[in-house]
Amino acid sequence: MHTLKKTFDTLDLSNRAKRRKAAALASALLVRIRTAEEAYMARIPENLQGSDAYDNADYSISLLDEAIDVVASVYD
């Protein structure tokens, strides 16, 4: 994870085109996180689908959807 932070810290955001590409990268990362959260949610057994874990995963997916939409619209 430290390497990922270093990568983000060294991104060149000096112009609008580079910031647009960085936003696209952030959006793609959020989509991957959302996909992983959906997979986690799908693995929750049926008898636990009313549990806090299931509800939290569902809420996380909703928030990730909103974040993806916002980040995707920044440079539209």
C-alpha atoms as a PDB file:
ATOM      1  CA  MET A   1       0.000   0.000   0.000  1.00  0.00           C
ATOM      2  CA  HIS A   2       2.885   2.335   0.713  1.00  0.00           C
ATOM      3  CA  THR A   3       3.956   2.052  -2.940  1.00  0.00           C
ATOM      4  CA  LEU A   4       0.466   3.005  -4.083  1.00  0.00           C
ATOM      5  CA  LYS A   5       0.525   6.097  -1.875  1.00  0.00           C
ATOM      6  CA  LYS A   6       3.911   7.043  -3.288  1.00  0.00           C
ATOM      7  CA  THR A   7       2.526   6.655  -6.795  1.00  0.00           C
ATOM      8  CA  PHE A   8      -0.410   8.932  -6.045  1.00  0.00           C
ATOM      9  CA  ASP A   9       1.816  11.462  -4.291  1.00  0.00           C
ATOM     10  CA  THR A  10       4.072  11.732  -7.344  1.00  0.00           C
ATOM     11  CA  LEU A  11       1.349  12.088  -9.985  1.00  0.00           C
ATOM     12  CA  ASP A  12       1.956  15.063 -12.236  1.00  0.00           C
ATOM     13  CA  LEU A  13      -1.226  17.147 -12.104  1.00  0.00           C
ATOM     14  CA  SER A  14       0.291  20.274 -13.602  1.00  0.00           C
ATOM     15  CA  ASN A  15      -2.246  20.709 -16.382  1.00  0.00           C
ATOM     16  CA  ARG A  16      -5.910  20.042 -17.061  1.00  0.00           C
ATOM     17  CA  ALA A  17      -5.289  17.089 -19.396  1.00  0.00           C
ATOM     18  CA  LYS A  18      -3.198  15.344 -16.747  1.00  0.00           C
ATOM     19  CA  ARG A  19      -5.834  16.042 -14.093  1.00  0.00           C
ATOM     20  CA  ARG A  20      -8.505  14.642 -16.427  1.00  0.00           C
ATOM     21  CA  LYS A  21      -6.474  11.444 -16.847  1.00  0.00           C
ATOM     22  CA  ALA A  22      -5.962  11.222 -13.081  1.00  0.00           C
ATOM     23  CA  ALA A  23      -9.722  11.591 -12.541  1.00  0.00           C
ATOM     24  CA  ALA A  24     -10.327   8.790 -15.060  1.00  0.00           C
ATOM     25  CA  LEU A  25      -7.832   6.636 -13.150  1.00  0.00           C
ATOM     26  CA  ALA A  26      -9.582   7.437  -9.855  1.00  0.00           C
ATOM     27  CA  SER A  27     -12.926   6.539 -11.401  1.00  0.00           C
ATOM     28  CA  ALA A  28     -11.554   3.225 -12.676  1.00  0.00           C
ATOM     29  CA  LEU A  29     -10.174   2.451  -9.211  1.00  0.00           C
ATOM     30  CA  LEU A  30     -13.553   3.208  -7.628  1.00  0.00           C
ATOM     31  CA  VAL A  31     -15.223   0.861 -10.136  1.00  0.00           C
ATOM     32  CA  ARG A  32     -12.802  -1.910  -9.145  1.00  0.00           C
ATOM     33  CA  ILE A  33     -13.509  -1.293  -5.461  1.00  0.00           C
ATOM     34  CA  ARG A  34     -17.249  -1.381  -6.163  1.00  0.00           C
ATOM     35  CA  THR A  35     -16.877  -4.677  -8.040  1.00  0.00           C
ATOM     36  CA  ALA A  36     -14.956  -6.176  -5.115  1.00  0.00           C
ATOM     37  CA  GLU A  37     -17.616  -4.978  -2.661  1.00  0.00           C
ATOM     38  CA  GLU A  38     -20.347  -6.522  -4.839  1.00  0.00           C
ATOM     39  CA  ALA A  39     -18.434  -9.820  -4.876  1.00  0.00           C
ATOM     40  CA  TYR A  40     -18.137  -9.671  -1.084  1.00  0.00           C
ATOM     41  CA  MET A  41     -21.856  -9.005  -0.778  1.00  0.00           C
ATOM     42  CA  ALA A  42     -22.672 -11.908  -3.094  1.00  0.00           C
ATOM     43  CA  ARG A  43     -20.671 -14.258  -0.846  1.00  0.00           C
ATOM     44  CA  ILE A  44     -22.762 -13.414   2.208  1.00  0.00           C
ATOM     45  CA  PRO A  45     -25.016 -16.406   2.897  1.00  0.00           C
ATOM     46  CA  GLU A  46     -28.728 -15.953   2.333  1.00  0.00           C
ATOM     47  CA  ASN A  47     -29.538 -16.312   6.022  1.00  0.00           C
ATOM     48  CA  LEU A  48     -27.269 -13.321   6.783  1.00  0.00           C
ATOM     49  CA  GLN A  49     -28.560 -11.024   4.071  1.00  0.00           C
ATOM     50  CA  GLY A  50     -30.402  -8.936   6.653  1.00  0.00           C
ATOM     51  CA  SER A  51     -27.278  -8.549   8.770  1.00  0.00           C
ATOM     52  CA  ASP A  52     -25.251  -5.423   9.459  1.00  0.00           C
ATOM     53  CA  ALA A  53     -22.454  -6.720   7.221  1.00  0.00           C
ATOM     54  CA  TYR A  54     -24.823  -7.091   4.275  1.00  0.00           C
ATOM     55  CA  ASP A  55     -26.465  -3.717   4.899  1.00  0.00           C
ATOM     56  CA  ASN A  56     -23.070  -2.025   5.221  1.00  0.00           C
ATOM     57  CA  ALA A  57     -21.885  -3.556   1.956  1.00  0.00           C
ATOM     58  CA  ASP A  58     -25.077  -2.420   0.236  1.00  0.00           C
ATOM     59  CA  TYR A  59     -24.616   1.095   1.613  1.00  0.00           C
ATOM     60  CA  SER A  60     -20.962   1.126   0.527  1.00  0.00           C
ATOM     61  CA  ILE A  61     -21.975   0.183  -2.998  1.00  0.00           C
ATOM     62  CA  SER A  62     -24.506   3.023  -3.068  1.00  0.00           C
ATOM     63  CA  LEU A  63     -21.873   5.519  -1.924  1.00  0.00           C
ATOM     64  CA  LEU A  64     -19.343   4.173  -4.415  1.00  0.00           C
ATOM     65  CA  ASP A  65     -21.920   4.588  -7.198  1.00  0.00           C
ATOM     66  CA  GLU A  66     -22.359   8.225  -6.208  1.00  0.00           C
ATOM     67  CA  ALA A  67     -18.607   8.789  -6.031  1.00  0.00           C
ATOM     68  CA  ILE A  68     -18.085   7.206  -9.453  1.00  0.00           C
ATOM     69  CA  ASP A  69     -20.772   9.446 -10.949  1.00  0.00           C
ATOM     70  CA  VAL A  70     -19.287  12.573  -9.371  1.00  0.00           C
ATOM     71  CA  VAL A  71     -15.705  11.815 -10.389  1.00  0.00           C
ATOM     72  CA  ALA A  72     -16.802  10.891 -13.923  1.00  0.00           C
ATOM     73  CA  SER A  73     -18.672  14.188 -14.274  1.00  0.00           C
ATOM     74  CA  VAL A  74     -15.844  16.453 -13.103  1.00  0.00           C
ATOM     75  CA  TYR A  75     -14.358  16.899 -16.575  1.00  0.00           C
ATOM     76  CA  ASP A  76     -17.432  16.292 -18.739  1.00  0.00           C
END
